[in-house]
């Protein structure tokens, strides 16, 4: 039998816990805001510098069919009245979240230039609302992969892809790992001169790091009256962190440290046979130790999203073309047992 004609065996799940819609198209509209922020933390006195990108709220549309999902959005920069005071951010933010039946994965490609310091007025000149750093760059690539142990009763897709419906409460343990590589750099010291006496790395202008390590966690969806739900998921990772810091006089220091990291997901919403709506928050916190014991870099990546979606039957020529595509490239069957 040819490869194109083969069908994969159905992945078993308990249909009394969640319903799948393998032959329906899920269409959605959404508002979202991605971010990759940087915190410089003095662990000795718990002082913090928080650099935030000037990202706009996005509005978009998307579609899911089988294992394929496509979302397209455009920025709404007129929403934030303080937008111009925060400087300009140039960014390429690639976040891909894969929700297979037994696996959940995250892929990151973060390329940001241009930040401002929060809160308003901190370290800013008298005639400026925010302290801005158009030269500050944060770049990070990497990913995480975790095994979902209770895929028979728990569905990530119901909350995040809207192409399934979790009808009963259930949860699952997660086990896996992550790996990252990144750089943080500016044309001058990362710490504003006003705070040079507060932070021990006041002369550092660049840091390069990579991390790798295992992680474990738990995910749970609580369902009320079949339709209302709250999903929470968290994985804690223990990474081995390698960092090299460069100071303004081009001297450098290298150190190997242990870094506890966190990936979390939270969704609250309504789900039914056709319609679903929810508010979600995905966050990834990567903590990198410095060349001294009392200083850390914290890169936080995430996405806030409001989604309204509907499932519908493809008709006419669209239905025919989808069937032809399935025959050439079979999708994973989601029929239950």
C-alpha atoms as a PDB file:
ATOM      1  CA  UNK A   1       0.000   0.000   0.000  1.00  0.00           C
ATOM      2  CA  UNK A   2       1.343   3.443  -0.892  1.00  0.00           C
ATOM      3  CA  UNK A   3       2.157   5.949   1.840  1.00  0.00           C
ATOM      4  CA  UNK A   4      -0.473   8.406   0.600  1.00  0.00           C
ATOM      5  CA  UNK A   5      -3.194   5.781   0.945  1.00  0.00           C
ATOM      6  CA  UNK A   6      -2.295   4.690   4.473  1.00  0.00           C
ATOM      7  CA  UNK A   7      -4.362   5.798   7.447  1.00  0.00           C
ATOM      8  CA  UNK A   8      -2.931   6.115  10.904  1.00  0.00           C
ATOM      9  CA  UNK A   9      -4.680   4.243  13.682  1.00  0.00           C
ATOM     10  CA  UNK A  10      -7.006   6.376  15.787  1.00  0.00           C
ATOM     11  CA  UNK A  11      -5.484   7.773  18.973  1.00  0.00           C
ATOM     12  CA  UNK A  12      -7.742   6.515  21.799  1.00  0.00           C
ATOM     13  CA  UNK A  13      -9.401   8.944  24.181  1.00  0.00           C
ATOM     14  CA  UNK A  14     -12.432   8.938  26.446  1.00  0.00           C
ATOM     15  CA  UNK A  15     -15.244  10.743  24.624  1.00  0.00           C
ATOM     16  CA  UNK A  16     -17.166  11.156  27.880  1.00  0.00           C
ATOM     17  CA  UNK A  17     -14.455  13.656  28.950  1.00  0.00           C
ATOM     18  CA  UNK A  18     -13.960  15.601  25.739  1.00  0.00           C
ATOM     19  CA  UNK A  19     -15.390  15.781  22.244  1.00  0.00           C
ATOM     20  CA  UNK A  20     -13.344  16.166  19.060  1.00  0.00           C
ATOM     21  CA  UNK A  21     -14.364  17.656  15.708  1.00  0.00           C
ATOM     22  CA  UNK A  22     -11.971  16.182  13.120  1.00  0.00           C
ATOM     23  CA  UNK A  23     -14.085  17.063  10.071  1.00  0.00           C
ATOM     24  CA  UNK A  24     -15.103  20.584  11.123  1.00  0.00           C
ATOM     25  CA  UNK A  25     -13.283  23.830  10.448  1.00  0.00           C
ATOM     26  CA  UNK A  26     -12.679  26.080  13.455  1.00  0.00           C
ATOM     27  CA  UNK A  27     -12.703  29.752  12.512  1.00  0.00           C
ATOM     28  CA  UNK A  28     -11.753  32.449  15.009  1.00  0.00           C
ATOM     29  CA  UNK A  29     -11.317  36.166  15.553  1.00  0.00           C
ATOM     30  CA  UNK A  30      -8.950  37.358  18.255  1.00  0.00           C
ATOM     31  CA  UNK A  31      -7.170  40.212  19.953  1.00  0.00           C
ATOM     32  CA  UNK A  32      -3.698  39.459  21.246  1.00  0.00           C
ATOM     33  CA  UNK A  33      -0.541  41.053  22.569  1.00  0.00           C
ATOM     34  CA  UNK A  34       2.826  39.316  22.459  1.00  0.00           C
ATOM     35  CA  UNK A  35       5.786  40.453  24.525  1.00  0.00           C
ATOM     36  CA  UNK A  36       9.401  39.707  25.367  1.00  0.00           C
ATOM     37  CA  UNK A  37      10.468  41.770  28.367  1.00  0.00           C
ATOM     38  CA  UNK A  38      13.771  41.972  30.238  1.00  0.00           C
ATOM     39  CA  UNK A  39      14.302  42.300  33.981  1.00  0.00           C
ATOM     40  CA  UNK A  40      17.632  43.011  35.647  1.00  0.00           C
ATOM     41  CA  UNK A  41      17.384  41.845  39.240  1.00  0.00           C
ATOM     42  CA  UNK A  42      19.716  42.432  42.150  1.00  0.00           C
ATOM     43  CA  UNK A  43      19.020  39.373  44.309  1.00  0.00           C
ATOM     44  CA  UNK A  44      20.908  40.873  47.254  1.00  0.00           C
ATOM     45  CA  UNK A  45      18.469  43.754  47.805  1.00  0.00           C
ATOM     46  CA  UNK A  46      15.656  42.580  45.446  1.00  0.00           C
ATOM     47  CA  UNK A  47      15.852  45.751  43.358  1.00  0.00           C
ATOM     48  CA  UNK A  48      14.624  45.428  39.782  1.00  0.00           C
ATOM     49  CA  UNK A  49      14.900  47.181  36.438  1.00  0.00           C
ATOM     50  CA  UNK A  50      12.052  46.236  34.094  1.00  0.00           C
ATOM     51  CA  UNK A  51      12.528  46.878  30.366  1.00  0.00           C
ATOM     52  CA  UNK A  52       9.381  46.482  28.290  1.00  0.00           C
ATOM     53  CA  UNK A  53       8.930  46.535  24.483  1.00  0.00           C
ATOM     54  CA  UNK A  54       6.509  48.983  22.899  1.00  0.00           C
ATOM     55  CA  UNK A  55       4.304  46.324  21.318  1.00  0.00           C
ATOM     56  CA  UNK A  56       0.860  47.133  19.981  1.00  0.00           C
ATOM     57  CA  UNK A  57      -2.336  45.186  20.498  1.00  0.00           C
ATOM     58  CA  UNK A  58      -3.076  42.929  17.505  1.00  0.00           C
ATOM     59  CA  UNK A  59      -6.410  42.016  15.917  1.00  0.00           C
ATOM     60  CA  UNK A  60      -6.645  38.985  13.708  1.00  0.00           C
ATOM     61  CA  UNK A  61      -8.427  35.981  12.285  1.00  0.00           C
ATOM     62  CA  UNK A  62      -7.465  32.325  12.181  1.00  0.00           C
ATOM     63  CA  UNK A  63      -8.539  28.850  11.163  1.00  0.00           C
ATOM     64  CA  UNK A  64      -7.856  25.294  12.392  1.00  0.00           C
ATOM     65  CA  UNK A  65      -8.482  22.064  10.500  1.00  0.00           C
ATOM     66  CA  UNK A  66      -7.105  18.764  11.738  1.00  0.00           C
ATOM     67  CA  UNK A  67      -3.556  19.370  12.941  1.00  0.00           C
ATOM     68  CA  UNK A  68      -3.119  22.581  10.926  1.00  0.00           C
ATOM     69  CA  UNK A  69      -3.639  26.081  12.368  1.00  0.00           C
ATOM     70  CA  UNK A  70      -3.102  29.479  10.718  1.00  0.00           C
ATOM     71  CA  UNK A  71      -3.517  32.854  12.429  1.00  0.00           C
ATOM     72  CA  UNK A  72      -2.958  36.297  10.870  1.00  0.00           C
ATOM     73  CA  UNK A  73      -3.044  39.565  12.795  1.00  0.00           C
ATOM     74  CA  UNK A  74      -2.418  43.300  12.328  1.00  0.00           C
ATOM     75  CA  UNK A  75      -1.284  45.828  14.999  1.00  0.00           C
ATOM     76  CA  UNK A  76      -3.660  48.422  16.473  1.00  0.00           C
ATOM     77  CA  UNK A  77      -1.204  51.110  17.540  1.00  0.00           C
ATOM     78  CA  UNK A  78      -3.875  53.760  18.099  1.00  0.00           C
ATOM     79  CA  UNK A  79      -5.172  51.893  21.196  1.00  0.00           C
ATOM     80  CA  UNK A  80      -2.352  53.004  23.560  1.00  0.00           C
ATOM     81  CA  UNK A  81      -2.326  56.801  24.161  1.00  0.00           C
ATOM     82  CA  UNK A  82       1.252  56.664  25.566  1.00  0.00           C
ATOM     83  CA  UNK A  83       2.580  54.733  22.577  1.00  0.00           C
ATOM     84  CA  UNK A  84       4.774  57.530  21.193  1.00  0.00           C
ATOM     85  CA  UNK A  85       6.336  58.272  24.594  1.00  0.00           C
ATOM     86  CA  UNK A  86       7.634  54.689  24.908  1.00  0.00           C
ATOM     87  CA  UNK A  87       9.945  54.834  21.931  1.00  0.00           C
ATOM     88  CA  UNK A  88       9.939  52.496  18.965  1.00  0.00           C
ATOM     89  CA  UNK A  89      10.287  48.732  19.091  1.00  0.00           C
ATOM     90  CA  UNK A  90      11.253  46.661  16.067  1.00  0.00           C
ATOM     91  CA  UNK A  91      10.480  43.013  16.575  1.00  0.00           C
ATOM     92  CA  UNK A  92      10.085  39.621  14.997  1.00  0.00           C
ATOM     93  CA  UNK A  93       8.196  37.469  17.487  1.00  0.00           C
ATOM     94  CA  UNK A  94       7.849  33.830  16.464  1.00  0.00           C
ATOM     95  CA  UNK A  95       5.873  31.790  18.976  1.00  0.00           C
ATOM     96  CA  UNK A  96       4.579  28.399  17.915  1.00  0.00           C
ATOM     97  CA  UNK A  97       2.652  26.219  20.357  1.00  0.00           C
ATOM     98  CA  UNK A  98       2.046  22.618  19.325  1.00  0.00           C
ATOM     99  CA  UNK A  99      -0.764  20.694  20.973  1.00  0.00           C
ATOM    100  CA  UNK A 100      -0.616  17.084  19.839  1.00  0.00           C
ATOM    101  CA  UNK A 101      -2.646  14.379  21.526  1.00  0.00           C
ATOM    102  CA  UNK A 102       0.160  13.132  23.784  1.00  0.00           C
ATOM    103  CA  UNK A 103       2.651  15.987  23.502  1.00  0.00           C
ATOM    104  CA  UNK A 104       2.774  19.732  24.016  1.00  0.00           C
ATOM    105  CA  UNK A 105       5.607  21.770  22.530  1.00  0.00           C
ATOM    106  CA  UNK A 106       6.685  25.406  22.311  1.00  0.00           C
ATOM    107  CA  UNK A 107       9.071  26.958  19.784  1.00  0.00           C
ATOM    108  CA  UNK A 108      10.477  30.464  20.267  1.00  0.00           C
ATOM    109  CA  UNK A 109      12.264  32.928  18.010  1.00  0.00           C
ATOM    110  CA  UNK A 110      12.400  36.331  19.735  1.00  0.00           C
ATOM    111  CA  UNK A 111      14.201  39.231  18.025  1.00  0.00           C
ATOM    112  CA  UNK A 112      13.517  42.595  19.711  1.00  0.00           C
ATOM    113  CA  UNK A 113      15.199  45.990  19.470  1.00  0.00           C
ATOM    114  CA  UNK A 114      14.003  49.072  21.368  1.00  0.00           C
ATOM    115  CA  UNK A 115      12.744  49.117  24.976  1.00  0.00           C
ATOM    116  CA  UNK A 116      11.457  51.499  27.609  1.00  0.00           C
ATOM    117  CA  UNK A 117      11.810  51.318  31.386  1.00  0.00           C
ATOM    118  CA  UNK A 118       8.821  50.797  33.663  1.00  0.00           C
ATOM    119  CA  UNK A 119       7.245  52.418  35.620  1.00  0.00           C
ATOM    120  CA  UNK A 120       6.627  55.780  33.994  1.00  0.00           C
ATOM    121  CA  UNK A 121       9.242  58.373  34.889  1.00  0.00           C
ATOM    122  CA  UNK A 122      11.842  55.932  36.253  1.00  0.00           C
ATOM    123  CA  UNK A 123      15.340  57.133  35.220  1.00  0.00           C
ATOM    124  CA  UNK A 124      13.696  59.400  32.610  1.00  0.00           C
ATOM    125  CA  UNK A 125      14.914  62.892  31.778  1.00  0.00           C
ATOM    126  CA  UNK A 126      12.753  65.760  33.181  1.00  0.00           C
ATOM    127  CA  UNK A 127      11.159  66.422  29.781  1.00  0.00           C
ATOM    128  CA  UNK A 128      10.452  62.735  28.979  1.00  0.00           C
ATOM    129  CA  UNK A 129       7.707  60.390  30.187  1.00  0.00           C
ATOM    130  CA  UNK A 130       9.785  57.198  29.932  1.00  0.00           C
ATOM    131  CA  UNK A 131      13.448  56.234  29.896  1.00  0.00           C
ATOM    132  CA  UNK A 132      13.921  54.665  26.473  1.00  0.00           C
ATOM    133  CA  UNK A 133      16.661  52.446  25.048  1.00  0.00           C
ATOM    134  CA  UNK A 134      16.355  52.275  21.240  1.00  0.00           C
ATOM    135  CA  UNK A 135      19.715  50.454  21.167  1.00  0.00           C
ATOM    136  CA  UNK A 136      18.749  47.619  23.541  1.00  0.00           C
ATOM    137  CA  UNK A 137      18.393  44.214  21.860  1.00  0.00           C
ATOM    138  CA  UNK A 138      17.009  40.965  23.256  1.00  0.00           C
ATOM    139  CA  UNK A 139      17.254  37.870  21.080  1.00  0.00           C
ATOM    140  CA  UNK A 140      16.375  34.319  22.072  1.00  0.00           C
ATOM    141  CA  UNK A 141      15.689  31.070  20.232  1.00  0.00           C
ATOM    142  CA  UNK A 142      14.772  27.708  21.688  1.00  0.00           C
ATOM    143  CA  UNK A 143      11.950  25.435  22.634  1.00  0.00           C
ATOM    144  CA  UNK A 144      10.373  23.044  25.083  1.00  0.00           C
ATOM    145  CA  UNK A 145       8.682  19.650  24.721  1.00  0.00           C
ATOM    146  CA  UNK A 146       6.605  17.765  27.293  1.00  0.00           C
ATOM    147  CA  UNK A 147       4.826  14.426  27.376  1.00  0.00           C
ATOM    148  CA  UNK A 148       1.156  14.545  28.358  1.00  0.00           C
ATOM    149  CA  UNK A 149       0.397  11.420  30.401  1.00  0.00           C
ATOM    150  CA  UNK A 150      -3.412  11.582  30.598  1.00  0.00           C
ATOM    151  CA  UNK A 151      -4.336  12.311  26.990  1.00  0.00           C
ATOM    152  CA  UNK A 152      -7.344   9.998  27.300  1.00  0.00           C
ATOM    153  CA  UNK A 153      -9.184  12.475  29.547  1.00  0.00           C
ATOM    154  CA  UNK A 154      -7.424  15.832  29.242  1.00  0.00           C
ATOM    155  CA  UNK A 155      -7.311  18.070  26.144  1.00  0.00           C
ATOM    156  CA  UNK A 156      -5.072  21.106  25.624  1.00  0.00           C
ATOM    157  CA  UNK A 157      -6.716  21.693  22.247  1.00  0.00           C
ATOM    158  CA  UNK A 158     -10.100  22.471  23.779  1.00  0.00           C
ATOM    159  CA  UNK A 159      -8.658  25.540  25.501  1.00  0.00           C
ATOM    160  CA  UNK A 160      -6.003  26.729  23.046  1.00  0.00           C
ATOM    161  CA  UNK A 161      -7.099  25.609  19.561  1.00  0.00           C
ATOM    162  CA  UNK A 162     -10.878  25.591  20.131  1.00  0.00           C
ATOM    163  CA  UNK A 163     -11.308  22.479  17.976  1.00  0.00           C
ATOM    164  CA  UNK A 164     -12.289  20.234  20.901  1.00  0.00           C
ATOM    165  CA  UNK A 165     -14.700  20.485  23.818  1.00  0.00           C
ATOM    166  CA  UNK A 166     -13.729  19.449  27.360  1.00  0.00           C
ATOM    167  CA  UNK A 167     -16.974  18.357  29.042  1.00  0.00           C
ATOM    168  CA  UNK A 168     -15.660  16.971  32.352  1.00  0.00           C
ATOM    169  CA  UNK A 169     -12.874  18.077  34.667  1.00  0.00           C
ATOM    170  CA  UNK A 170      -9.544  16.303  34.203  1.00  0.00           C
ATOM    171  CA  UNK A 171      -5.804  16.835  34.499  1.00  0.00           C
ATOM    172  CA  UNK A 172      -2.453  15.360  33.560  1.00  0.00           C
ATOM    173  CA  UNK A 173       1.166  15.257  34.678  1.00  0.00           C
ATOM    174  CA  UNK A 174       3.818  16.599  32.278  1.00  0.00           C
ATOM    175  CA  UNK A 175       7.443  15.569  31.838  1.00  0.00           C
ATOM    176  CA  UNK A 176      10.018  16.882  29.374  1.00  0.00           C
ATOM    177  CA  UNK A 177      12.687  19.526  28.939  1.00  0.00           C
ATOM    178  CA  UNK A 178      13.799  22.757  27.269  1.00  0.00           C
ATOM    179  CA  UNK A 179      16.780  24.434  25.586  1.00  0.00           C
ATOM    180  CA  UNK A 180      17.522  28.120  24.810  1.00  0.00           C
ATOM    181  CA  UNK A 181      20.205  30.351  23.343  1.00  0.00           C
ATOM    182  CA  UNK A 182      20.102  34.115  23.647  1.00  0.00           C
ATOM    183  CA  UNK A 183      21.876  37.474  23.729  1.00  0.00           C
ATOM    184  CA  UNK A 184      21.163  40.732  25.552  1.00  0.00           C
ATOM    185  CA  UNK A 185      23.088  43.783  24.441  1.00  0.00           C
ATOM    186  CA  UNK A 186      23.171  47.560  24.192  1.00  0.00           C
ATOM    187  CA  UNK A 187      25.496  50.199  22.779  1.00  0.00           C
ATOM    188  CA  UNK A 188      26.304  51.166  26.365  1.00  0.00           C
ATOM    189  CA  UNK A 189      25.778  49.699  29.846  1.00  0.00           C
ATOM    190  CA  UNK A 190      22.442  47.969  30.374  1.00  0.00           C
ATOM    191  CA  UNK A 191      21.977  49.717  33.736  1.00  0.00           C
ATOM    192  CA  UNK A 192      21.097  53.457  33.593  1.00  0.00           C
ATOM    193  CA  UNK A 193      23.779  55.663  35.174  1.00  0.00           C
ATOM    194  CA  UNK A 194      21.266  56.793  37.799  1.00  0.00           C
ATOM    195  CA  UNK A 195      21.175  53.216  39.171  1.00  0.00           C
ATOM    196  CA  UNK A 196      24.846  52.321  38.717  1.00  0.00           C
ATOM    197  CA  UNK A 197      25.405  52.171  42.495  1.00  0.00           C
ATOM    198  CA  UNK A 198      22.442  49.822  43.017  1.00  0.00           C
ATOM    199  CA  UNK A 199      23.333  47.037  40.577  1.00  0.00           C
ATOM    200  CA  UNK A 200      26.653  45.163  40.711  1.00  0.00           C
ATOM    201  CA  UNK A 201      26.804  44.701  36.930  1.00  0.00           C
ATOM    202  CA  UNK A 202      26.614  48.402  36.147  1.00  0.00           C
ATOM    203  CA  UNK A 203      29.304  48.130  33.440  1.00  0.00           C
ATOM    204  CA  UNK A 204      27.862  45.151  31.514  1.00  0.00           C
ATOM    205  CA  UNK A 205      26.738  46.024  27.992  1.00  0.00           C
ATOM    206  CA  UNK A 206      26.272  42.511  26.596  1.00  0.00           C
ATOM    207  CA  UNK A 207      25.403  39.029  27.873  1.00  0.00           C
ATOM    208  CA  UNK A 208      25.347  35.804  25.890  1.00  0.00           C
ATOM    209  CA  UNK A 209      23.801  32.639  27.322  1.00  0.00           C
ATOM    210  CA  UNK A 210      22.457  29.190  26.634  1.00  0.00           C
ATOM    211  CA  UNK A 211      20.461  26.886  28.883  1.00  0.00           C
ATOM    212  CA  UNK A 212      19.294  23.285  28.861  1.00  0.00           C
ATOM    213  CA  UNK A 213      17.501  21.149  31.407  1.00  0.00           C
ATOM    214  CA  UNK A 214      14.596  18.865  32.350  1.00  0.00           C
ATOM    215  CA  UNK A 215      11.201  19.916  33.587  1.00  0.00           C
ATOM    216  CA  UNK A 216       7.983  18.564  35.067  1.00  0.00           C
ATOM    217  CA  UNK A 217       4.548  19.950  35.763  1.00  0.00           C
ATOM    218  CA  UNK A 218       0.811  19.510  35.816  1.00  0.00           C
ATOM    219  CA  UNK A 219      -2.165  20.699  33.760  1.00  0.00           C
ATOM    220  CA  UNK A 220      -5.812  20.710  34.808  1.00  0.00           C
ATOM    221  CA  UNK A 221      -9.144  21.839  33.387  1.00  0.00           C
ATOM    222  CA  UNK A 222     -12.020  22.470  35.774  1.00  0.00           C
ATOM    223  CA  UNK A 223     -15.420  22.320  34.040  1.00  0.00           C
ATOM    224  CA  UNK A 224     -18.662  23.808  35.356  1.00  0.00           C
ATOM    225  CA  UNK A 225     -21.963  22.552  33.871  1.00  0.00           C
ATOM    226  CA  UNK A 226     -20.153  21.191  30.796  1.00  0.00           C
ATOM    227  CA  UNK A 227     -19.712  24.634  29.200  1.00  0.00           C
ATOM    228  CA  UNK A 228     -17.701  26.937  31.478  1.00  0.00           C
ATOM    229  CA  UNK A 229     -14.082  26.051  32.113  1.00  0.00           C
ATOM    230  CA  UNK A 230     -10.842  27.136  33.710  1.00  0.00           C
ATOM    231  CA  UNK A 231      -7.561  25.630  32.485  1.00  0.00           C
ATOM    232  CA  UNK A 232      -4.243  26.005  34.279  1.00  0.00           C
ATOM    233  CA  UNK A 233      -0.866  24.502  33.397  1.00  0.00           C
ATOM    234  CA  UNK A 234       2.639  24.981  34.796  1.00  0.00           C
ATOM    235  CA  UNK A 235       5.999  23.306  34.260  1.00  0.00           C
ATOM    236  CA  UNK A 236       9.040  24.008  36.431  1.00  0.00           C
ATOM    237  CA  UNK A 237      12.420  23.467  34.796  1.00  0.00           C
ATOM    238  CA  UNK A 238      15.864  23.101  36.334  1.00  0.00           C
ATOM    239  CA  UNK A 239      18.337  24.331  33.724  1.00  0.00           C
ATOM    240  CA  UNK A 240      22.097  24.341  33.536  1.00  0.00           C
ATOM    241  CA  UNK A 241      22.943  27.905  32.471  1.00  0.00           C
ATOM    242  CA  UNK A 242      26.110  29.058  30.693  1.00  0.00           C
ATOM    243  CA  UNK A 243      26.625  32.841  30.529  1.00  0.00           C
ATOM    244  CA  UNK A 244      29.346  35.152  29.249  1.00  0.00           C
ATOM    245  CA  UNK A 245      29.188  38.853  30.115  1.00  0.00           C
ATOM    246  CA  UNK A 246      31.004  41.658  28.276  1.00  0.00           C
ATOM    247  CA  UNK A 247      31.749  44.986  29.940  1.00  0.00           C
ATOM    248  CA  UNK A 248      32.208  48.376  28.291  1.00  0.00           C
ATOM    249  CA  UNK A 249      36.010  48.004  28.276  1.00  0.00           C
ATOM    250  CA  UNK A 250      35.562  44.675  26.361  1.00  0.00           C
ATOM    251  CA  UNK A 251      36.642  42.496  29.293  1.00  0.00           C
ATOM    252  CA  UNK A 252      34.490  39.411  29.782  1.00  0.00           C
ATOM    253  CA  UNK A 253      33.527  36.906  32.450  1.00  0.00           C
ATOM    254  CA  UNK A 254      32.061  33.420  32.131  1.00  0.00           C
ATOM    255  CA  UNK A 255      30.118  31.355  34.622  1.00  0.00           C
ATOM    256  CA  UNK A 256      28.010  28.195  34.867  1.00  0.00           C
ATOM    257  CA  UNK A 257      24.959  28.413  37.137  1.00  0.00           C
ATOM    258  CA  UNK A 258      21.689  26.676  37.949  1.00  0.00           C
ATOM    259  CA  UNK A 259      18.549  28.424  36.706  1.00  0.00           C
ATOM    260  CA  UNK A 260      14.955  27.601  37.709  1.00  0.00           C
ATOM    261  CA  UNK A 261      12.552  28.438  34.854  1.00  0.00           C
ATOM    262  CA  UNK A 262       8.780  28.430  34.471  1.00  0.00           C
ATOM    263  CA  UNK A 263       6.297  27.907  31.623  1.00  0.00           C
ATOM    264  CA  UNK A 264       2.635  28.535  32.434  1.00  0.00           C
ATOM    265  CA  UNK A 265      -0.713  28.653  30.645  1.00  0.00           C
ATOM    266  CA  UNK A 266      -4.059  29.929  31.893  1.00  0.00           C
ATOM    267  CA  UNK A 267      -7.424  30.009  30.093  1.00  0.00           C
ATOM    268  CA  UNK A 268     -10.938  30.863  31.223  1.00  0.00           C
ATOM    269  CA  UNK A 269     -13.939  30.647  28.936  1.00  0.00           C
ATOM    270  CA  UNK A 270     -17.045  29.056  27.505  1.00  0.00           C
ATOM    271  CA  UNK A 271     -17.224  26.043  25.175  1.00  0.00           C
ATOM    272  CA  UNK A 272     -20.076  24.284  23.378  1.00  0.00           C
ATOM    273  CA  UNK A 273     -20.772  22.126  20.335  1.00  0.00           C
ATOM    274  CA  UNK A 274     -20.373  25.066  17.921  1.00  0.00           C
ATOM    275  CA  UNK A 275     -19.287  28.233  19.724  1.00  0.00           C
ATOM    276  CA  UNK A 276     -16.411  28.927  22.109  1.00  0.00           C
ATOM    277  CA  UNK A 277     -14.915  32.074  23.655  1.00  0.00           C
ATOM    278  CA  UNK A 278     -12.029  32.491  26.059  1.00  0.00           C
ATOM    279  CA  UNK A 279      -9.295  34.676  27.515  1.00  0.00           C
ATOM    280  CA  UNK A 280      -5.845  33.091  27.637  1.00  0.00           C
ATOM    281  CA  UNK A 281      -2.379  33.903  28.903  1.00  0.00           C
ATOM    282  CA  UNK A 282       0.771  32.026  27.951  1.00  0.00           C
ATOM    283  CA  UNK A 283       4.016  32.877  29.718  1.00  0.00           C
ATOM    284  CA  UNK A 284       7.614  31.660  29.630  1.00  0.00           C
ATOM    285  CA  UNK A 285      10.108  32.893  32.239  1.00  0.00           C
ATOM    286  CA  UNK A 286      13.798  32.237  31.517  1.00  0.00           C
ATOM    287  CA  UNK A 287      16.091  33.174  34.408  1.00  0.00           C
ATOM    288  CA  UNK A 288      19.816  33.533  33.712  1.00  0.00           C
ATOM    289  CA  UNK A 289      22.425  33.872  36.455  1.00  0.00           C
ATOM    290  CA  UNK A 290      25.206  36.422  36.023  1.00  0.00           C
ATOM    291  CA  UNK A 291      28.929  36.168  36.670  1.00  0.00           C
ATOM    292  CA  UNK A 292      28.235  37.140  40.304  1.00  0.00           C
ATOM    293  CA  UNK A 293      25.901  35.581  42.841  1.00  0.00           C
ATOM    294  CA  UNK A 294      23.671  38.605  43.411  1.00  0.00           C
ATOM    295  CA  UNK A 295      22.453  39.492  39.914  1.00  0.00           C
ATOM    296  CA  UNK A 296      20.145  37.832  37.373  1.00  0.00           C
ATOM    297  CA  UNK A 297      18.718  38.454  33.913  1.00  0.00           C
ATOM    298  CA  UNK A 298      15.080  37.431  33.486  1.00  0.00           C
ATOM    299  CA  UNK A 299      13.657  37.159  29.951  1.00  0.00           C
ATOM    300  CA  UNK A 300       9.864  36.840  29.985  1.00  0.00           C
ATOM    301  CA  UNK A 301       8.052  35.856  26.789  1.00  0.00           C
ATOM    302  CA  UNK A 302       4.317  35.496  26.408  1.00  0.00           C
ATOM    303  CA  UNK A 303       1.012  36.255  24.779  1.00  0.00           C
ATOM    304  CA  UNK A 304      -2.325  37.588  26.046  1.00  0.00           C
ATOM    305  CA  UNK A 305      -5.307  36.685  23.875  1.00  0.00           C
ATOM    306  CA  UNK A 306      -9.084  37.127  23.672  1.00  0.00           C
ATOM    307  CA  UNK A 307     -10.662  34.635  21.240  1.00  0.00           C
ATOM    308  CA  UNK A 308     -14.128  33.972  19.846  1.00  0.00           C
ATOM    309  CA  UNK A 309     -14.427  30.905  17.599  1.00  0.00           C
ATOM    310  CA  UNK A 310     -17.037  28.845  15.762  1.00  0.00           C
ATOM    311  CA  UNK A 311     -16.879  25.339  14.276  1.00  0.00           C
ATOM    312  CA  UNK A 312     -18.611  24.717  10.975  1.00  0.00           C
ATOM    313  CA  UNK A 313     -18.875  22.112   8.230  1.00  0.00           C
ATOM    314  CA  UNK A 314     -16.885  22.806   5.049  1.00  0.00           C
ATOM    315  CA  UNK A 315     -19.185  22.785   2.042  1.00  0.00           C
ATOM    316  CA  UNK A 316     -19.005  22.702  -1.711  1.00  0.00           C
ATOM    317  CA  UNK A 317     -15.632  22.990  -3.376  1.00  0.00           C
ATOM    318  CA  UNK A 318     -13.868  23.618  -0.039  1.00  0.00           C
ATOM    319  CA  UNK A 319     -15.092  20.287   1.311  1.00  0.00           C
ATOM    320  CA  UNK A 320     -13.949  18.485  -1.837  1.00  0.00           C
ATOM    321  CA  UNK A 321     -10.493  20.026  -1.738  1.00  0.00           C
ATOM    322  CA  UNK A 322     -10.035  19.198   1.940  1.00  0.00           C
ATOM    323  CA  UNK A 323     -10.907  15.577   1.255  1.00  0.00           C
ATOM    324  CA  UNK A 324      -8.416  15.467  -1.599  1.00  0.00           C
ATOM    325  CA  UNK A 325      -5.753  16.970   0.655  1.00  0.00           C
ATOM    326  CA  UNK A 326      -6.428  14.332   3.340  1.00  0.00           C
ATOM    327  CA  UNK A 327      -5.922  11.554   0.820  1.00  0.00           C
ATOM    328  CA  UNK A 328      -2.543  12.964  -0.222  1.00  0.00           C
ATOM    329  CA  UNK A 329      -1.429  13.954   3.292  1.00  0.00           C
ATOM    330  CA  UNK A 330      -3.482  12.048   5.904  1.00  0.00           C
ATOM    331  CA  UNK A 331      -4.237  13.976   9.070  1.00  0.00           C
ATOM    332  CA  UNK A 332      -4.134  12.395  12.495  1.00  0.00           C
ATOM    333  CA  UNK A 333      -7.471  10.758  13.209  1.00  0.00           C
ATOM    334  CA  UNK A 334      -9.196  11.987  16.360  1.00  0.00           C
ATOM    335  CA  UNK A 335     -11.961   9.461  16.511  1.00  0.00           C
ATOM    336  CA  UNK A 336     -12.531   8.298  20.086  1.00  0.00           C
ATOM    337  CA  UNK A 337     -12.893   4.920  21.738  1.00  0.00           C
END
